[in-house]
Amino acid sequence: MISKEEVERIAKLARLELTEEEIKKMQKDLSEILDYFNLLKKAPKPSKTERGKGDLRATRDDETISSYDIADKIIRAFPEKKDGYIKVKTIL
């Protein structure tokens, strides 16, 4: 668990005035956050082939999609429609 002194130091750097109760809560919260980061450090790392030929900056090719195609798919998928529009409940 993170020490009280460390929490006080962090609070001072952040220009926070914490009560004793808040310091105890912060000790617990910051310790949980750091434990989670340690858990992430232990997670398996992807192999070079999984990263896209060894390059972490690998990107997909651009693909053009017509907004009309997307709108048609949304309208077809919506349960209630009328004259090419989707029907929703009245808001006002």
PDB file of N, CA and C in Angstrom:
ATOM      1  N   MET A   1       0.847  -1.176   0.000  1.00  0.00           N
ATOM      2  CA  MET A   1       0.000   0.000   0.000  1.00  0.00           C
ATOM      3  C   MET A   1       0.895   1.241   0.000  1.00  0.00           C
ATOM      4  N   ILE A   2       0.432   2.248  -0.696  1.00  0.00           N
ATOM      5  CA  ILE A   2       1.172   3.498  -0.782  1.00  0.00           C
ATOM      6  C   ILE A   2       1.168   4.170   0.598  1.00  0.00           C
ATOM      7  N   SER A   3       2.266   4.777   0.952  1.00  0.00           N
ATOM      8  CA  SER A   3       2.385   5.350   2.298  1.00  0.00           C
ATOM      9  C   SER A   3       1.648   6.679   2.422  1.00  0.00           C
ATOM     10  N   LYS A   4       1.361   7.036   3.654  1.00  0.00           N
ATOM     11  CA  LYS A   4       0.693   8.301   3.957  1.00  0.00           C
ATOM     12  C   LYS A   4       1.542   9.469   3.482  1.00  0.00           C
ATOM     13  N   GLU A   5       2.866   9.350   3.662  1.00  0.00           N
ATOM     14  CA  GLU A   5       3.778  10.423   3.255  1.00  0.00           C
ATOM     15  C   GLU A   5       3.746  10.627   1.742  1.00  0.00           C
ATOM     16  N   GLU A   6       3.654   9.518   1.001  1.00  0.00           N
ATOM     17  CA  GLU A   6       3.592   9.635  -0.461  1.00  0.00           C
ATOM     18  C   GLU A   6       2.299  10.325  -0.896  1.00  0.00           C
ATOM     19  N   VAL A   7       1.193   9.978  -0.252  1.00  0.00           N
ATOM     20  CA  VAL A   7      -0.082  10.623  -0.575  1.00  0.00           C
ATOM     21  C   VAL A   7      -0.008  12.106  -0.254  1.00  0.00           C
ATOM     22  N   GLU A   8       0.565  12.441   0.874  1.00  0.00           N
ATOM     23  CA  GLU A   8       0.699  13.850   1.249  1.00  0.00           C
ATOM     24  C   GLU A   8       1.577  14.604   0.253  1.00  0.00           C
ATOM     25  N   ARG A   9       2.642  13.970  -0.199  1.00  0.00           N
ATOM     26  CA  ARG A   9       3.533  14.589  -1.189  1.00  0.00           C
ATOM     27  C   ARG A   9       2.798  14.825  -2.504  1.00  0.00           C
ATOM     28  N   ILE A  10       2.044  13.826  -2.957  1.00  0.00           N
ATOM     29  CA  ILE A  10       1.272  13.951  -4.201  1.00  0.00           C
ATOM     30  C   ILE A  10       0.224  15.050  -4.053  1.00  0.00           C
ATOM     31  N   ALA A  11      -0.449  15.074  -2.898  1.00  0.00           N
ATOM     32  CA  ALA A  11      -1.463  16.101  -2.648  1.00  0.00           C
ATOM     33  C   ALA A  11      -0.835  17.493  -2.670  1.00  0.00           C
ATOM     34  N   LYS A  12       0.349  17.613  -2.105  1.00  0.00           N
ATOM     35  CA  LYS A  12       1.032  18.907  -2.090  1.00  0.00           C
ATOM     36  C   LYS A  12       1.384  19.341  -3.512  1.00  0.00           C
ATOM     37  N   LEU A  13       1.867  18.399  -4.327  1.00  0.00           N
ATOM     38  CA  LEU A  13       2.198  18.716  -5.716  1.00  0.00           C
ATOM     39  C   LEU A  13       0.954  19.127  -6.504  1.00  0.00           C
ATOM     40  N   ALA A  14      -0.185  18.517  -6.164  1.00  0.00           N
ATOM     41  CA  ALA A  14      -1.442  18.833  -6.837  1.00  0.00           C
ATOM     42  C   ALA A  14      -2.155  20.016  -6.185  1.00  0.00           C
ATOM     43  N   ARG A  15      -1.523  20.558  -5.137  1.00  0.00           N
ATOM     44  CA  ARG A  15      -2.078  21.684  -4.384  1.00  0.00           C
ATOM     45  C   ARG A  15      -3.456  21.355  -3.815  1.00  0.00           C
ATOM     46  N   LEU A  16      -3.527  20.173  -3.189  1.00  0.00           N
ATOM     47  CA  LEU A  16      -4.751  19.727  -2.539  1.00  0.00           C
ATOM     48  C   LEU A  16      -4.550  19.704  -1.037  1.00  0.00           C
ATOM     49  N   GLU A  17      -5.563  20.093  -0.330  1.00  0.00           N
ATOM     50  CA  GLU A  17      -5.542  19.968   1.122  1.00  0.00           C
ATOM     51  C   GLU A  17      -6.474  18.824   1.476  1.00  0.00           C
ATOM     52  N   LEU A  18      -5.897  17.743   2.002  1.00  0.00           N
ATOM     53  CA  LEU A  18      -6.679  16.562   2.312  1.00  0.00           C
ATOM     54  C   LEU A  18      -6.818  16.368   3.815  1.00  0.00           C
ATOM     55  N   THR A  19      -7.990  15.907   4.222  1.00  0.00           N
ATOM     56  CA  THR A  19      -8.195  15.551   5.622  1.00  0.00           C
ATOM     57  C   THR A  19      -7.583  14.169   5.847  1.00  0.00           C
ATOM     58  N   GLU A  20      -7.476  13.770   7.090  1.00  0.00           N
ATOM     59  CA  GLU A  20      -6.936  12.434   7.408  1.00  0.00           C
ATOM     60  C   GLU A  20      -7.773  11.339   6.748  1.00  0.00           C
ATOM     61  N   GLU A  21      -9.089  11.536   6.751  1.00  0.00           N
ATOM     62  CA  GLU A  21      -9.990  10.549   6.130  1.00  0.00           C
ATOM     63  C   GLU A  21      -9.745  10.465   4.628  1.00  0.00           C
ATOM     64  N   GLU A  22      -9.559  11.622   3.989  1.00  0.00           N
ATOM     65  CA  GLU A  22      -9.301  11.660   2.550  1.00  0.00           C
ATOM     66  C   GLU A  22      -7.947  11.037   2.227  1.00  0.00           C
ATOM     67  N   ILE A  23      -6.967  11.245   3.095  1.00  0.00           N
ATOM     68  CA  ILE A  23      -5.645  10.645   2.879  1.00  0.00           C
ATOM     69  C   ILE A  23      -5.749   9.129   2.909  1.00  0.00           C
ATOM     70  N   LYS A  24      -6.480   8.585   3.866  1.00  0.00           N
ATOM     71  CA  LYS A  24      -6.654   7.131   3.949  1.00  0.00           C
ATOM     72  C   LYS A  24      -7.354   6.588   2.718  1.00  0.00           C
ATOM     73  N   LYS A  25      -8.383   7.319   2.254  1.00  0.00           N
ATOM     74  CA  LYS A  25      -9.098   6.889   1.043  1.00  0.00           C
ATOM     75  C   LYS A  25      -8.172   6.935  -0.171  1.00  0.00           C
ATOM     76  N   MET A  26      -7.382   8.004  -0.265  1.00  0.00           N
ATOM     77  CA  MET A  26      -6.438   8.138  -1.377  1.00  0.00           C
ATOM     78  C   MET A  26      -5.374   7.044  -1.340  1.00  0.00           C
ATOM     79  N   GLN A  27      -4.928   6.675  -0.152  1.00  0.00           N
ATOM     80  CA  GLN A  27      -3.957   5.587  -0.026  1.00  0.00           C
ATOM     81  C   GLN A  27      -4.532   4.331  -0.669  1.00  0.00           C
ATOM     82  N   LYS A  28      -5.761   4.023  -0.330  1.00  0.00           N
ATOM     83  CA  LYS A  28      -6.418   2.822  -0.849  1.00  0.00           C
ATOM     84  C   LYS A  28      -6.614   2.936  -2.364  1.00  0.00           C
ATOM     85  N   ASP A  29      -7.163   4.069  -2.816  1.00  0.00           N
ATOM     86  CA  ASP A  29      -7.449   4.254  -4.236  1.00  0.00           C
ATOM     87  C   ASP A  29      -6.183   4.236  -5.090  1.00  0.00           C
ATOM     88  N   LEU A  30      -5.161   4.966  -4.661  1.00  0.00           N
ATOM     89  CA  LEU A  30      -3.913   4.996  -5.433  1.00  0.00           C
ATOM     90  C   LEU A  30      -3.231   3.632  -5.449  1.00  0.00           C
ATOM     91  N   SER A  31      -3.309   2.907  -4.348  1.00  0.00           N
ATOM     92  CA  SER A  31      -2.729   1.557  -4.304  1.00  0.00           C
ATOM     93  C   SER A  31      -3.435   0.636  -5.288  1.00  0.00           C
ATOM     94  N   GLU A  32      -4.766   0.734  -5.370  1.00  0.00           N
ATOM     95  CA  GLU A  32      -5.516  -0.086  -6.326  1.00  0.00           C
ATOM     96  C   GLU A  32      -5.145   0.256  -7.761  1.00  0.00           C
ATOM     97  N   ILE A  33      -4.971   1.539  -8.041  1.00  0.00           N
ATOM     98  CA  ILE A  33      -4.584   1.960  -9.391  1.00  0.00           C
ATOM     99  C   ILE A  33      -3.205   1.412  -9.743  1.00  0.00           C
ATOM    100  N   LEU A  34      -2.262   1.531  -8.817  1.00  0.00           N
ATOM    101  CA  LEU A  34      -0.909   1.029  -9.078  1.00  0.00           C
ATOM    102  C   LEU A  34      -0.902  -0.490  -9.222  1.00  0.00           C
ATOM    103  N   ASP A  35      -1.710  -1.183  -8.427  1.00  0.00           N
ATOM    104  CA  ASP A  35      -1.826  -2.642  -8.562  1.00  0.00           C
ATOM    105  C   ASP A  35      -2.342  -3.006  -9.943  1.00  0.00           C
ATOM    106  N   TYR A  36      -3.295  -2.232 -10.455  1.00  0.00           N
ATOM    107  CA  TYR A  36      -3.837  -2.508 -11.785  1.00  0.00           C
ATOM    108  C   TYR A  36      -2.764  -2.298 -12.853  1.00  0.00           C
ATOM    109  N   PHE A  37      -1.960  -1.253 -12.719  1.00  0.00           N
ATOM    110  CA  PHE A  37      -0.880  -1.035 -13.679  1.00  0.00           C
ATOM    111  C   PHE A  37       0.123  -2.189 -13.634  1.00  0.00           C
ATOM    112  N   ASN A  38       0.421  -2.699 -12.444  1.00  0.00           N
ATOM    113  CA  ASN A  38       1.326  -3.841 -12.337  1.00  0.00           C
ATOM    114  C   ASN A  38       0.723  -5.069 -13.005  1.00  0.00           C
ATOM    115  N   LEU A  39      -0.591  -5.226 -12.904  1.00  0.00           N
ATOM    116  CA  LEU A  39      -1.267  -6.328 -13.575  1.00  0.00           C
ATOM    117  C   LEU A  39      -1.145  -6.183 -15.090  1.00  0.00           C
ATOM    118  N   LEU A  40      -1.293  -4.962 -15.580  1.00  0.00           N
ATOM    119  CA  LEU A  40      -1.168  -4.726 -17.023  1.00  0.00           C
ATOM    120  C   LEU A  40       0.253  -4.996 -17.515  1.00  0.00           C
ATOM    121  N   LYS A  41       1.239  -4.695 -16.693  1.00  0.00           N
ATOM    122  CA  LYS A  41       2.626  -4.960 -17.074  1.00  0.00           C
ATOM    123  C   LYS A  41       2.864  -6.447 -17.292  1.00  0.00           C
ATOM    124  N   LYS A  42       2.130  -7.294 -16.551  1.00  0.00           N
ATOM    125  CA  LYS A  42       2.303  -8.736 -16.651  1.00  0.00           C
ATOM    126  C   LYS A  42       1.531  -9.352 -17.817  1.00  0.00           C
ATOM    127  N   ALA A  43       0.682  -8.569 -18.468  1.00  0.00           N
ATOM    128  CA  ALA A  43      -0.127  -9.083 -19.573  1.00  0.00           C
ATOM    129  C   ALA A  43       0.779  -9.486 -20.727  1.00  0.00           C
ATOM    130  N   PRO A  44       0.392 -10.541 -21.456  1.00  0.00           N
ATOM    131  CA  PRO A  44       1.216 -10.969 -22.585  1.00  0.00           C
ATOM    132  C   PRO A  44       1.268  -9.894 -23.671  1.00  0.00           C
ATOM    133  N   LYS A  45       2.435  -9.757 -24.244  1.00  0.00           N
ATOM    134  CA  LYS A  45       2.619  -8.773 -25.299  1.00  0.00           C
ATOM    135  C   LYS A  45       2.449  -9.448 -26.649  1.00  0.00           C
ATOM    136  N   PRO A  46       1.844  -8.749 -27.629  1.00  0.00           N
ATOM    137  CA  PRO A  46       1.634  -9.367 -28.939  1.00  0.00           C
ATOM    138  C   PRO A  46       2.962  -9.638 -29.642  1.00  0.00           C
ATOM    139  N   SER A  47       2.976 -10.724 -30.406  1.00  0.00           N
ATOM    140  CA  SER A  47       4.190 -11.044 -31.163  1.00  0.00           C
ATOM    141  C   SER A  47       4.324 -10.077 -32.329  1.00  0.00           C
ATOM    142  N   LYS A  48       5.479 -10.108 -32.977  1.00  0.00           N
ATOM    143  CA  LYS A  48       5.719  -9.184 -34.076  1.00  0.00           C
ATOM    144  C   LYS A  48       4.716  -9.377 -35.197  1.00  0.00           C
ATOM    145  N   THR A  49       4.308 -10.610 -35.472  1.00  0.00           N
ATOM    146  CA  THR A  49       3.336 -10.846 -36.548  1.00  0.00           C
ATOM    147  C   THR A  49       1.965 -10.303 -36.178  1.00  0.00           C
ATOM    148  N   GLU A  50       1.619 -10.315 -34.891  1.00  0.00           N
ATOM    149  CA  GLU A  50       0.328  -9.785 -34.460  1.00  0.00           C
ATOM    150  C   GLU A  50       0.296  -8.269 -34.519  1.00  0.00           C
ATOM    151  N   ARG A  51       1.440  -7.629 -34.486  1.00  0.00           N
ATOM    152  CA  ARG A  51       1.515  -6.160 -34.494  1.00  0.00           C
ATOM    153  C   ARG A  51       1.433  -5.598 -35.902  1.00  0.00           C
ATOM    154  N   GLY A  52       1.456  -6.411 -36.900  1.00  0.00           N
ATOM    155  CA  GLY A  52       1.438  -5.898 -38.267  1.00  0.00           C
ATOM    156  C   GLY A  52       2.827  -5.849 -38.839  1.00  0.00           C
ATOM    157  N   LYS A  53       3.433  -7.023 -39.005  1.00  0.00           N
ATOM    158  CA  LYS A  53       4.762  -7.153 -39.607  1.00  0.00           C
ATOM    159  C   LYS A  53       5.828  -6.438 -38.789  1.00  0.00           C
ATOM    160  N   GLY A  54       5.682  -6.424 -37.491  1.00  0.00           N
ATOM    161  CA  GLY A  54       6.703  -5.859 -36.628  1.00  0.00           C
ATOM    162  C   GLY A  54       6.660  -4.360 -36.465  1.00  0.00           C
ATOM    163  N   ASP A  55       5.726  -3.707 -37.128  1.00  0.00           N
ATOM    164  CA  ASP A  55       5.647  -2.256 -37.041  1.00  0.00           C
ATOM    165  C   ASP A  55       4.453  -1.865 -36.182  1.00  0.00           C
ATOM    166  N   LEU A  56       4.714  -1.206 -35.050  1.00  0.00           N
ATOM    167  CA  LEU A  56       3.626  -0.787 -34.169  1.00  0.00           C
ATOM    168  C   LEU A  56       2.785   0.317 -34.795  1.00  0.00           C
ATOM    169  N   ARG A  57       3.309   0.947 -35.818  1.00  0.00           N
ATOM    170  CA  ARG A  57       2.583   2.038 -36.468  1.00  0.00           C
ATOM    171  C   ARG A  57       1.800   1.561 -37.676  1.00  0.00           C
ATOM    172  N   ALA A  58       1.638   0.262 -37.845  1.00  0.00           N
ATOM    173  CA  ALA A  58       0.924  -0.283 -38.999  1.00  0.00           C
ATOM    174  C   ALA A  58      -0.512   0.220 -38.999  1.00  0.00           C
ATOM    175  N   THR A  59      -1.002   0.593 -40.167  1.00  0.00           N
ATOM    176  CA  THR A  59      -2.363   1.105 -40.292  1.00  0.00           C
ATOM    177  C   THR A  59      -3.114   0.340 -41.367  1.00  0.00           C
ATOM    178  N   ARG A  60      -4.418   0.491 -41.354  1.00  0.00           N
ATOM    179  CA  ARG A  60      -5.239  -0.117 -42.399  1.00  0.00           C
ATOM    180  C   ARG A  60      -5.275   0.805 -43.599  1.00  0.00           C
ATOM    181  N   ASP A  61      -5.579   0.244 -44.739  1.00  0.00           N
ATOM    182  CA  ASP A  61      -5.783   1.061 -45.922  1.00  0.00           C
ATOM    183  C   ASP A  61      -7.084   1.828 -45.770  1.00  0.00           C
ATOM    184  N   ASP A  62      -7.109   3.046 -46.305  1.00  0.00           N
ATOM    185  CA  ASP A  62      -8.330   3.833 -46.273  1.00  0.00           C
ATOM    186  C   ASP A  62      -9.388   3.171 -47.131  1.00  0.00           C
ATOM    187  N   GLU A  63     -10.620   3.244 -46.663  1.00  0.00           N
ATOM    188  CA  GLU A  63     -11.730   2.658 -47.397  1.00  0.00           C
ATOM    189  C   GLU A  63     -12.848   3.692 -47.447  1.00  0.00           C
ATOM    190  N   THR A  64     -13.328   3.985 -48.655  1.00  0.00           N
ATOM    191  CA  THR A  64     -14.394   4.960 -48.817  1.00  0.00           C
ATOM    192  C   THR A  64     -15.737   4.251 -48.707  1.00  0.00           C
ATOM    193  N   ILE A  65     -16.610   4.807 -47.868  1.00  0.00           N
ATOM    194  CA  ILE A  65     -17.950   4.256 -47.699  1.00  0.00           C
ATOM    195  C   ILE A  65     -18.937   5.385 -47.944  1.00  0.00           C
ATOM    196  N   SER A  66     -19.904   5.133 -48.779  1.00  0.00           N
ATOM    197  CA  SER A  66     -20.906   6.138 -49.078  1.00  0.00           C
ATOM    198  C   SER A  66     -21.812   6.348 -47.873  1.00  0.00           C
ATOM    199  N   SER A  67     -22.052   7.606 -47.529  1.00  0.00           N
ATOM    200  CA  SER A  67     -22.935   7.884 -46.396  1.00  0.00           C
ATOM    201  C   SER A  67     -24.360   7.443 -46.699  1.00  0.00           C
ATOM    202  N   TYR A  68     -24.722   7.375 -47.990  1.00  0.00           N
ATOM    203  CA  TYR A  68     -26.058   6.910 -48.352  1.00  0.00           C
ATOM    204  C   TYR A  68     -26.212   5.425 -48.025  1.00  0.00           C
ATOM    205  N   ASP A  69     -25.151   4.646 -48.231  1.00  0.00           N
ATOM    206  CA  ASP A  69     -25.203   3.219 -47.900  1.00  0.00           C
ATOM    207  C   ASP A  69     -25.399   3.020 -46.403  1.00  0.00           C
ATOM    208  N   ILE A  70     -24.704   3.809 -45.610  1.00  0.00           N
ATOM    209  CA  ILE A  70     -24.824   3.701 -44.158  1.00  0.00           C
ATOM    210  C   ILE A  70     -26.231   4.095 -43.716  1.00  0.00           C
ATOM    211  N   ALA A  71     -26.742   5.207 -44.270  1.00  0.00           N
ATOM    212  CA  ALA A  71     -28.090   5.662 -43.919  1.00  0.00           C
ATOM    213  C   ALA A  71     -29.123   4.605 -44.291  1.00  0.00           C
ATOM    214  N   ASP A  72     -28.988   4.001 -45.460  1.00  0.00           N
ATOM    215  CA  ASP A  72     -29.932   2.950 -45.876  1.00  0.00           C
ATOM    216  C   ASP A  72     -29.888   1.768 -44.925  1.00  0.00           C
ATOM    217  N   LYS A  73     -28.706   1.361 -44.485  1.00  0.00           N
ATOM    218  CA  LYS A  73     -28.588   0.239 -43.550  1.00  0.00           C
ATOM    219  C   LYS A  73     -29.258   0.570 -42.221  1.00  0.00           C
ATOM    220  N   ILE A  74     -29.069   1.793 -41.746  1.00  0.00           N
ATOM    221  CA  ILE A  74     -29.677   2.204 -40.473  1.00  0.00           C
ATOM    222  C   ILE A  74     -31.197   2.210 -40.606  1.00  0.00           C
ATOM    223  N   ILE A  75     -31.699   2.781 -41.682  1.00  0.00           N
ATOM    224  CA  ILE A  75     -33.149   2.851 -41.873  1.00  0.00           C
ATOM    225  C   ILE A  75     -33.744   1.457 -41.988  1.00  0.00           C
ATOM    226  N   ARG A  76     -33.079   0.567 -42.732  1.00  0.00           N
ATOM    227  CA  ARG A  76     -33.585  -0.817 -42.872  1.00  0.00           C
ATOM    228  C   ARG A  76     -33.583  -1.541 -41.536  1.00  0.00           C
ATOM    229  N   ALA A  77     -32.603  -1.262 -40.681  1.00  0.00           N
ATOM    230  CA  ALA A  77     -32.486  -1.969 -39.410  1.00  0.00           C
ATOM    231  C   ALA A  77     -33.441  -1.432 -38.345  1.00  0.00           C
ATOM    232  N   PHE A  78     -33.952  -0.212 -38.536  1.00  0.00           N
ATOM    233  CA  PHE A  78     -34.800   0.414 -37.517  1.00  0.00           C
ATOM    234  C   PHE A  78     -36.200  -0.183 -37.559  1.00  0.00           C
ATOM    235  N   PRO A  79     -36.792  -0.455 -36.405  1.00  0.00           N
ATOM    236  CA  PRO A  79     -38.101  -1.122 -36.388  1.00  0.00           C
ATOM    237  C   PRO A  79     -39.245  -0.282 -36.975  1.00  0.00           C
ATOM    238  N   GLU A  80     -39.254   1.020 -36.746  1.00  0.00           N
ATOM    239  CA  GLU A  80     -40.330   1.850 -37.268  1.00  0.00           C
ATOM    240  C   GLU A  80     -39.774   2.896 -38.223  1.00  0.00           C
ATOM    241  N   LYS A  81     -40.372   2.954 -39.425  1.00  0.00           N
ATOM    242  CA  LYS A  81     -39.912   3.918 -40.418  1.00  0.00           C
ATOM    243  C   LYS A  81     -41.098   4.389 -41.261  1.00  0.00           C
ATOM    244  N   LYS A  82     -40.935   5.551 -41.880  1.00  0.00           N
ATOM    245  CA  LYS A  82     -41.987   6.109 -42.725  1.00  0.00           C
ATOM    246  C   LYS A  82     -41.343   7.026 -43.754  1.00  0.00           C
ATOM    247  N   ASP A  83     -41.614   6.778 -45.022  1.00  0.00           N
ATOM    248  CA  ASP A  83     -41.134   7.613 -46.129  1.00  0.00           C
ATOM    249  C   ASP A  83     -39.617   7.826 -46.101  1.00  0.00           C
ATOM    250  N   GLY A  84     -38.854   6.786 -45.786  1.00  0.00           N
ATOM    251  CA  GLY A  84     -37.409   6.891 -45.787  1.00  0.00           C
ATOM    252  C   GLY A  84     -36.805   7.499 -44.525  1.00  0.00           C
ATOM    253  N   TYR A  85     -37.640   7.750 -43.523  1.00  0.00           N
ATOM    254  CA  TYR A  85     -37.182   8.303 -42.249  1.00  0.00           C
ATOM    255  C   TYR A  85     -37.478   7.306 -41.141  1.00  0.00           C
ATOM    256  N   ILE A  86     -36.719   7.405 -40.072  1.00  0.00           N
ATOM    257  CA  ILE A  86     -36.992   6.548 -38.914  1.00  0.00           C
ATOM    258  C   ILE A  86     -37.917   7.284 -37.969  1.00  0.00           C
ATOM    259  N   LYS A  87     -38.842   6.528 -37.367  1.00  0.00           N
ATOM    260  CA  LYS A  87     -39.792   7.127 -36.440  1.00  0.00           C
ATOM    261  C   LYS A  87     -39.285   6.944 -35.014  1.00  0.00           C
ATOM    262  N   VAL A  88     -39.310   8.020 -34.262  1.00  0.00           N
ATOM    263  CA  VAL A  88     -38.918   7.972 -32.860  1.00  0.00           C
ATOM    264  C   VAL A  88     -40.054   8.569 -32.027  1.00  0.00           C
ATOM    265  N   LYS A  89     -40.000   8.329 -30.720  1.00  0.00           N
ATOM    266  CA  LYS A  89     -41.005   8.885 -29.823  1.00  0.00           C
ATOM    267  C   LYS A  89     -40.891  10.403 -29.775  1.00  0.00           C
ATOM    268  N   THR A  90     -42.009  11.051 -29.574  1.00  0.00           N
ATOM    269  CA  THR A  90     -42.033  12.502 -29.437  1.00  0.00           C
ATOM    270  C   THR A  90     -41.271  12.920 -28.196  1.00  0.00           C
ATOM    271  N   ILE A  91     -40.418  13.914 -28.333  1.00  0.00           N
ATOM    272  CA  ILE A  91     -39.596  14.368 -27.219  1.00  0.00           C
ATOM    273  C   ILE A  91     -40.268  15.509 -26.468  1.00  0.00           C
ATOM    274  N   LEU A  92     -40.833  16.446 -27.177  1.00  0.00           N
ATOM    275  CA  LEU A  92     -41.479  17.585 -26.528  1.00  0.00           C
ATOM    276  C   LEU A  92     -42.975  17.465 -26.609  1.00  0.00           C
TER     277      LEU A  92
END
